[in-house]
PDB file of N, CA and C in Angstrom:
ATOM      1  N   MET A   1      94.167 121.573 136.681  1.00  0.00           N
ATOM      2  CA  MET A   1      93.382 121.777 135.901  1.00  0.00           C
ATOM      3  C   MET A   1      93.206 122.277 134.496  1.00  0.00           C
ATOM      4  N   LYS A   2      94.136 123.052 134.249  1.00  0.00           N
ATOM      5  CA  LYS A   2      94.636 123.883 133.237  1.00  0.00           C
ATOM      6  C   LYS A   2      95.510 122.910 132.374  1.00  0.00           C
ATOM      7  N   ARG A   3      96.114 122.092 133.094  1.00  0.00           N
ATOM      8  CA  ARG A   3      97.295 121.472 132.415  1.00  0.00           C
ATOM      9  C   ARG A   3      96.530 120.064 131.999  1.00  0.00           C
ATOM     10  N   ILE A   4      95.298 119.490 132.393  1.00  0.00           N
ATOM     11  CA  ILE A   4      94.808 118.319 131.963  1.00  0.00           C
ATOM     12  C   ILE A   4      93.415 118.754 130.940  1.00  0.00           C
ATOM     13  N   PHE A   5      93.063 120.012 130.947  1.00  0.00           N
ATOM     14  CA  PHE A   5      92.329 120.689 129.804  1.00  0.00           C
ATOM     15  C   PHE A   5      93.090 120.875 128.825  1.00  0.00           C
ATOM     16  N   ALA A   6      94.328 121.248 128.951  1.00  0.00           N
ATOM     17  CA  ALA A   6      95.216 121.341 127.358  1.00  0.00           C
ATOM     18  C   ALA A   6      96.104 119.861 127.177  1.00  0.00           C
ATOM     19  N   PHE A   7      95.907 118.934 128.268  1.00  0.00           N
ATOM     20  CA  PHE A   7      96.374 117.557 127.625  1.00  0.00           C
ATOM     21  C   PHE A   7      95.362 117.284 126.950  1.00  0.00           C
ATOM     22  N   VAL A   8      94.190 116.848 127.181  1.00  0.00           N
ATOM     23  CA  VAL A   8      92.778 116.556 126.685  1.00  0.00           C
ATOM     24  C   VAL A   8      92.891 117.330 124.849  1.00  0.00           C
ATOM     25  N   LEU A   9      92.947 118.445 125.113  1.00  0.00           N
ATOM     26  CA  LEU A   9      92.750 119.432 124.105  1.00  0.00           C
ATOM     27  C   LEU A   9      93.803 118.951 122.813  1.00  0.00           C
ATOM     28  N   LEU A  10      95.052 118.891 123.511  1.00  0.00           N
ATOM     29  CA  LEU A  10      96.489 118.104 122.796  1.00  0.00           C
ATOM     30  C   LEU A  10      95.766 116.597 122.094  1.00  0.00           C
ATOM     31  N   LEU A  11      95.552 115.790 122.823  1.00  0.00           N
ATOM     32  CA  LEU A  11      94.761 114.529 122.141  1.00  0.00           C
ATOM     33  C   LEU A  11      93.950 114.373 121.452  1.00  0.00           C
ATOM     34  N   VAL A  12      93.009 115.273 121.664  1.00  0.00           N
ATOM     35  CA  VAL A  12      91.933 115.420 120.542  1.00  0.00           C
ATOM     36  C   VAL A  12      92.442 116.254 119.091  1.00  0.00           C
ATOM     37  N   ALA A  13      93.270 117.087 119.252  1.00  0.00           N
ATOM     38  CA  ALA A  13      93.679 117.561 118.177  1.00  0.00           C
ATOM     39  C   ALA A  13      94.889 116.463 117.376  1.00  0.00           C
ATOM     40  N   LEU A  14      95.459 115.788 117.971  1.00  0.00           N
ATOM     41  CA  LEU A  14      96.271 114.766 117.421  1.00  0.00           C
ATOM     42  C   LEU A  14      95.355 113.539 116.793  1.00  0.00           C
ATOM     43  N   SER A  15      94.330 112.954 117.414  1.00  0.00           N
ATOM     44  CA  SER A  15      93.596 112.078 116.627  1.00  0.00           C
ATOM     45  C   SER A  15      92.525 112.601 115.739  1.00  0.00           C
ATOM     46  N   VAL A  16      92.562 113.825 115.491  1.00  0.00           N
ATOM     47  CA  VAL A  16      91.755 114.258 114.053  1.00  0.00           C
ATOM     48  C   VAL A  16      92.746 114.460 113.287  1.00  0.00           C
ATOM     49  N   ALA A  17      94.025 114.701 113.658  1.00  0.00           N
ATOM     50  CA  ALA A  17      94.911 115.185 112.791  1.00  0.00           C
ATOM     51  C   ALA A  17      95.215 113.904 111.522  1.00  0.00           C
ATOM     52  N   TRP A  18      95.420 112.525 113.101  1.00  0.00           N
ATOM     53  CA  TRP A  18      95.745 111.430 112.094  1.00  0.00           C
ATOM     54  C   TRP A  18      94.467 110.658 111.473  1.00  0.00           C
ATOM     55  N   SER A  19      93.383 110.986 111.519  1.00  0.00           N
ATOM     56  CA  SER A  19      92.158 110.160 111.100  1.00  0.00           C
ATOM     57  C   SER A  19      92.321 110.893 109.572  1.00  0.00           C
ATOM     58  N   ILE A  20      92.426 112.163 109.418  1.00  0.00           N
ATOM     59  CA  ILE A  20      92.480 113.100 108.121  1.00  0.00           C
ATOM     60  C   ILE A  20      92.997 112.294 106.963  1.00  0.00           C
ATOM     61  N   PRO A  21      94.398 111.919 107.069  1.00  0.00           N
ATOM     62  CA  PRO A  21      95.195 111.550 105.978  1.00  0.00           C
ATOM     63  C   PRO A  21      94.831 109.981 105.464  1.00  0.00           C
ATOM     64  N   ALA A  22      94.261 109.107 106.601  1.00  0.00           N
ATOM     65  CA  ALA A  22      93.706 108.007 106.528  1.00  0.00           C
ATOM     66  C   ALA A  22      92.464 107.713 105.152  1.00  0.00           C
ATOM     67  N   GLN A  23      91.746 109.218 105.506  1.00  0.00           N
ATOM     68  CA  GLN A  23      90.330 108.884 104.618  1.00  0.00           C
ATOM     69  C   GLN A  23      90.685 109.578 102.877  1.00  0.00           C
ATOM     70  N   ALA A  24      91.797 110.459 103.528  1.00  0.00           N
ATOM     71  CA  ALA A  24      92.385 111.279 102.090  1.00  0.00           C
ATOM     72  C   ALA A  24      92.825 109.957 101.351  1.00  0.00           C
ATOM     73  N   GLN A  25      93.523 109.052 101.701  1.00  0.00           N
ATOM     74  CA  GLN A  25      93.910 107.966 100.814  1.00  0.00           C
ATOM     75  C   GLN A  25      93.444 107.302 100.045  1.00  0.00           C
ATOM     76  N   ARG A  26      92.000 107.038 100.514  1.00  0.00           N
ATOM     77  CA  ARG A  26      90.898 106.078  99.619  1.00  0.00           C
ATOM     78  C   ARG A  26      90.689 106.909  98.515  1.00  0.00           C
ATOM     79  N   THR A  27      90.763 105.832  97.401  1.00  0.00           N
ATOM     80  CA  THR A  27      90.656 106.243  96.118  1.00  0.00           C
ATOM     81  C   THR A  27      89.708 105.845  95.427  1.00  0.00           C
ATOM     82  N   THR A  28      88.640 106.297  94.586  1.00  0.00           N
ATOM     83  CA  THR A  28      87.516 105.498  93.841  1.00  0.00           C
ATOM     84  C   THR A  28      87.766 104.848  92.746  1.00  0.00           C
ATOM     85  N   THR A  29      87.404 104.332  92.124  1.00  0.00           N
ATOM     86  CA  THR A  29      87.838 103.671  90.804  1.00  0.00           C
ATOM     87  C   THR A  29      88.126 104.687  89.570  1.00  0.00           C
ATOM     88  N   ALA A  30      86.822 105.949  89.335  1.00  0.00           N
ATOM     89  CA  ALA A  30      86.830 106.742  88.679  1.00  0.00           C
ATOM     90  C   ALA A  30      88.108 107.653  89.022  1.00  0.00           C
ATOM     91  N   GLU A  31      88.440 107.688  90.259  1.00  0.00           N
ATOM     92  CA  GLU A  31      89.676 108.542  90.466  1.00  0.00           C
ATOM     93  C   GLU A  31      91.003 107.257  89.959  1.00  0.00           C
ATOM     94  N   ASN A  32      90.952 106.645  89.857  1.00  0.00           N
ATOM     95  CA  ASN A  32      92.247 105.726  90.061  1.00  0.00           C
ATOM     96  C   ASN A  32      92.283 105.876  88.083  1.00  0.00           C
ATOM     97  N   MET A  33      90.712 105.655  87.658  1.00  0.00           N
ATOM     98  CA  MET A  33      91.081 105.870  85.953  1.00  0.00           C
ATOM     99  C   MET A  33      91.582 107.055  85.331  1.00  0.00           C
ATOM    100  N   ARG A  34      91.164 108.084  86.040  1.00  0.00           N
ATOM    101  CA  ARG A  34      91.571 109.867  85.954  1.00  0.00           C
ATOM    102  C   ARG A  34      93.237 109.904  85.988  1.00  0.00           C
ATOM    103  N   ARG A  35      93.664 109.268  87.096  1.00  0.00           N
ATOM    104  CA  ARG A  35      94.893 109.151  87.398  1.00  0.00           C
ATOM    105  C   ARG A  35      96.081 108.632  86.246  1.00  0.00           C
ATOM    106  N   SER A  36      95.363 107.281  86.576  1.00  0.00           N
ATOM    107  CA  SER A  36      96.072 106.567  85.014  1.00  0.00           C
ATOM    108  C   SER A  36      96.323 107.096  83.762  1.00  0.00           C
ATOM    109  N   ARG A  37      94.979 107.860  83.246  1.00  0.00           N
ATOM    110  CA  ARG A  37      94.921 108.241  81.888  1.00  0.00           C
ATOM    111  C   ARG A  37      95.875 109.733  81.851  1.00  0.00           C
ATOM    112  N   GLN A  38      96.187 110.325  83.272  1.00  0.00           N
ATOM    113  CA  GLN A  38      96.819 111.687  83.430  1.00  0.00           C
ATOM    114  C   GLN A  38      98.349 111.005  83.186  1.00  0.00           C
ATOM    115  N   GLU A  39      98.505 110.142  83.997  1.00  0.00           N
ATOM    116  CA  GLU A  39     100.098 108.947  84.028  1.00  0.00           C
ATOM    117  C   GLU A  39     100.328 109.002  82.755  1.00  0.00           C
ATOM    118  N   ALA A  40      99.835 108.521  81.983  1.00  0.00           N
ATOM    119  CA  ALA A  40      99.720 107.380  80.370  1.00  0.00           C
ATOM    120  C   ALA A  40      99.858 109.010  79.546  1.00  0.00           C
ATOM    121  N   LYS A  41      99.096 109.884  79.757  1.00  0.00           N
ATOM    122  CA  LYS A  41      99.134 111.003  78.642  1.00  0.00           C
ATOM    123  C   LYS A  41     100.605 111.665  79.133  1.00  0.00           C
ATOM    124  N   GLN A  42     100.983 111.730  80.494  1.00  0.00           N
ATOM    125  CA  GLN A  42     102.208 112.285  80.697  1.00  0.00           C
ATOM    126  C   GLN A  42     103.568 111.616  80.361  1.00  0.00           C
ATOM    127  N   GLN A  43     103.327 110.201  80.191  1.00  0.00           N
ATOM    128  CA  GLN A  43     104.340 109.337  79.668  1.00  0.00           C
ATOM    129  C   GLN A  43     104.597 109.325  78.201  1.00  0.00           C
ATOM    130  N   GLN A  44     103.220 109.710  77.493  1.00  0.00           N
ATOM    131  CA  GLN A  44     103.411 109.696  76.171  1.00  0.00           C
ATOM    132  C   GLN A  44     104.117 111.096  75.728  1.00  0.00           C
ATOM    133  N   LYS A  45     103.716 112.428  76.378  1.00  0.00           N
ATOM    134  CA  LYS A  45     104.535 113.579  76.060  1.00  0.00           C
ATOM    135  C   LYS A  45     105.711 113.194  76.381  1.00  0.00           C
ATOM    136  N   VAL A  46     106.441 112.663  77.280  1.00  0.00           N
ATOM    137  CA  VAL A  46     107.893 112.617  77.417  1.00  0.00           C
ATOM    138  C   VAL A  46     108.387 111.819  76.477  1.00  0.00           C
ATOM    139  N   SER A  47     107.915 110.533  76.113  1.00  0.00           N
ATOM    140  CA  SER A  47     108.341 109.715  75.002  1.00  0.00           C
ATOM    141  C   SER A  47     108.493 110.620  73.994  1.00  0.00           C
ATOM    142  N   LYS A  48     107.241 111.549  73.051  1.00  0.00           N
ATOM    143  CA  LYS A  48     107.201 112.002  72.130  1.00  0.00           C
ATOM    144  C   LYS A  48     108.666 113.124  72.241  1.00  0.00           C
ATOM    145  N   LYS A  49     108.711 113.780  73.249  1.00  0.00           N
ATOM    146  CA  LYS A  49     110.267 114.711  73.516  1.00  0.00           C
ATOM    147  C   LYS A  49     111.054 114.100  73.374  1.00  0.00           C
ATOM    148  N   LEU A  50     111.335 112.878  73.696  1.00  0.00           N
ATOM    149  CA  LEU A  50     112.485 112.087  73.556  1.00  0.00           C
ATOM    150  C   LEU A  50     112.929 111.846  71.931  1.00  0.00           C
ATOM    151  N   SER A  51     111.682 111.495  71.433  1.00  0.00           N
ATOM    152  CA  SER A  51     111.801 111.025  69.841  1.00  0.00           C
ATOM    153  C   SER A  51     111.953 112.139  69.198  1.00  0.00           C
ATOM    154  N   LYS A  52     111.475 113.319  69.615  1.00  0.00           N
ATOM    155  CA  LYS A  52     111.823 114.401  68.875  1.00  0.00           C
ATOM    156  C   LYS A  52     113.351 114.608  69.129  1.00  0.00           C
ATOM    157  N   LYS A  53     113.739 114.697  70.240  1.00  0.00           N
ATOM    158  CA  LYS A  53     115.133 115.439  70.483  1.00  0.00           C
ATOM    159  C   LYS A  53     116.198 114.238  69.609  1.00  0.00           C
ATOM    160  N   GLN A  54     115.621 112.781  69.701  1.00  0.00           N
ATOM    161  CA  GLN A  54     116.241 111.676  69.103  1.00  0.00           C
ATOM    162  C   GLN A  54     116.426 111.921  67.455  1.00  0.00           C
ATOM    163  N   ARG A  55     115.151 112.194  66.771  1.00  0.00           N
ATOM    164  CA  ARG A  55     115.286 112.864  65.261  1.00  0.00           C
ATOM    165  C   ARG A  55     116.037 113.765  64.732  1.00  0.00           C
ATOM    166  N   LYS A  56     115.950 114.838  65.981  1.00  0.00           N
ATOM    167  CA  LYS A  56     116.753 115.862  65.773  1.00  0.00           C
ATOM    168  C   LYS A  56     118.627 115.631  65.641  1.00  0.00           C
ATOM    169  N   ALA A  57     118.885 114.866  66.556  1.00  0.00           N
ATOM    170  CA  ALA A  57     120.200 114.385  66.694  1.00  0.00           C
ATOM    171  C   ALA A  57     120.872 113.585  65.206  1.00  0.00           C
ATOM    172  N   MET A  58     119.816 112.462  65.181  1.00  0.00           N
ATOM    173  CA  MET A  58     119.918 112.115  63.555  1.00  0.00           C
ATOM    174  C   MET A  58     120.130 113.097  62.729  1.00  0.00           C
ATOM    175  N   LYS A  59     119.436 113.861  62.582  1.00  0.00           N
ATOM    176  CA  LYS A  59     119.121 114.925  61.019  1.00  0.00           C
ATOM    177  C   LYS A  59     120.586 115.616  61.198  1.00  0.00           C
ATOM    178  N   LYS A  60     121.124 115.722  62.564  1.00  0.00           N
ATOM    179  CA  LYS A  60     122.269 116.633  62.766  1.00  0.00           C
ATOM    180  C   LYS A  60     123.680 115.808  62.515  1.00  0.00           C
ATOM    181  N   TYR A  61     123.447 114.626  62.766  1.00  0.00           N
ATOM    182  CA  TYR A  61     124.686 113.824  62.284  1.00  0.00           C
ATOM    183  C   TYR A  61     124.907 113.260  60.757  1.00  0.00           C
ATOM    184  N   ASP A  62     123.498 113.103  60.250  1.00  0.00           N
ATOM    185  CA  ASP A  62     123.608 113.013  58.931  1.00  0.00           C
ATOM    186  C   ASP A  62     123.905 114.231  57.770  1.00  0.00           C
ATOM    187  N   LYS A  63     123.770 115.026  58.826  1.00  0.00           N
ATOM    188  CA  LYS A  63     124.218 116.437  57.694  1.00  0.00           C
ATOM    189  C   LYS A  63     125.921 116.696  57.896  1.00  0.00           C
ATOM    190  N   ALA A  64     126.338 116.460  58.877  1.00  0.00           N
ATOM    191  CA  ALA A  64     127.785 116.321  59.271  1.00  0.00           C
ATOM    192  C   ALA A  64     128.361 115.104  58.462  1.00  0.00           C
ATOM    193  N   ARG A  65     127.912 114.296  58.357  1.00  0.00           N
ATOM    194  CA  ARG A  65     128.046 112.871  57.820  1.00  0.00           C
ATOM    195  C   ARG A  65     128.513 113.398  56.028  1.00  0.00           C
ATOM    196  N   ARG A  66     127.244 114.003  55.710  1.00  0.00           N
ATOM    197  CA  ARG A  66     127.387 114.500  54.176  1.00  0.00           C
ATOM    198  C   ARG A  66     128.405 115.408  53.686  1.00  0.00           C
ATOM    199  N   SER A  67     128.346 116.345  54.758  1.00  0.00           N
ATOM    200  CA  SER A  67     129.493 117.672  54.792  1.00  0.00           C
ATOM    201  C   SER A  67     130.832 117.134  55.121  1.00  0.00           C
ATOM    202  N   ALA A  68     131.133 116.249  55.537  1.00  0.00           N
ATOM    203  CA  ALA A  68     132.546 115.320  55.632  1.00  0.00           C
ATOM    204  C   ALA A  68     132.665 114.275  54.391  1.00  0.00           C
ATOM    205  N   ALA A  69     131.843 113.810  53.405  1.00  0.00           N
ATOM    206  CA  ALA A  69     131.878 113.100  52.635  1.00  0.00           C
ATOM    207  C   ALA A  69     132.276 114.182  51.208  1.00  0.00           C
ATOM    208  N   LYS A  70     131.316 115.134  51.352  1.00  0.00           N
ATOM    209  CA  LYS A  70     131.700 116.449  50.276  1.00  0.00           C
ATOM    210  C   LYS A  70     132.922 116.835  50.450  1.00  0.00           C
ATOM    211  N   LYS A  71     133.428 117.177  52.023  1.00  0.00           N
ATOM    212  CA  LYS A  71     135.062 117.706  51.636  1.00  0.00           C
ATOM    213  C   LYS A  71     135.760 116.751  51.364  1.00  0.00           C
ATOM    214  N   ALA A  72     135.353 115.417  51.940  1.00  0.00           N
ATOM    215  CA  ALA A  72     136.709 114.634  51.180  1.00  0.00           C
ATOM    216  C   ALA A  72     136.562 114.535  50.067  1.00  0.00           C
ATOM    217  N   SER A  73     135.170 114.500  49.232  1.00  0.00           N
ATOM    218  CA  SER A  73     135.616 114.638  47.690  1.00  0.00           C
ATOM    219  C   SER A  73     135.994 115.753  46.953  1.00  0.00           C
ATOM    220  N   ARG A  74     136.407 116.845  47.698  1.00  0.00           N
ATOM    221  CA  ARG A  74     137.155 117.697  47.192  1.00  0.00           C
ATOM    222  C   ARG A  74     138.417 117.502  47.148  1.00  0.00           C
ATOM    223  N   ARG A  75     138.694 116.944  48.358  1.00  0.00           N
ATOM    224  CA  ARG A  75     140.150 116.840  48.614  1.00  0.00           C
ATOM    225  C   ARG A  75     140.526 116.015  47.710  1.00  0.00           C
ATOM    226  N   ALA A  76     139.939 115.142  47.410  1.00  0.00           N
ATOM    227  CA  ALA A  76     140.202 113.671  46.309  1.00  0.00           C
ATOM    228  C   ALA A  76     140.620 114.381  45.249  1.00  0.00           C
ATOM    229  N   ARG A  77     140.035 115.332  44.587  1.00  0.00           N
ATOM    230  CA  ARG A  77     139.758 115.990  43.165  1.00  0.00           C
ATOM    231  C   ARG A  77     141.462 116.526  42.890  1.00  0.00           C
TER     232      ARG A  77
END
């Protein structure tokens, strides 16, 4: 009797556990819009960060190029 009760209890617990994620995956239109706005904002943030990094690298490259040109002109004298 205890085995049957434990088996039925296990089946009930598993059926409840399987039904919860299916319901949680349903999203409303408002939820989809909110998520897409968040993802767009995150993408914009990443893009901004990469462009800042690129600008910094270009400044460093230009500075090194000017410095090299200055040294070359001093040597030519």
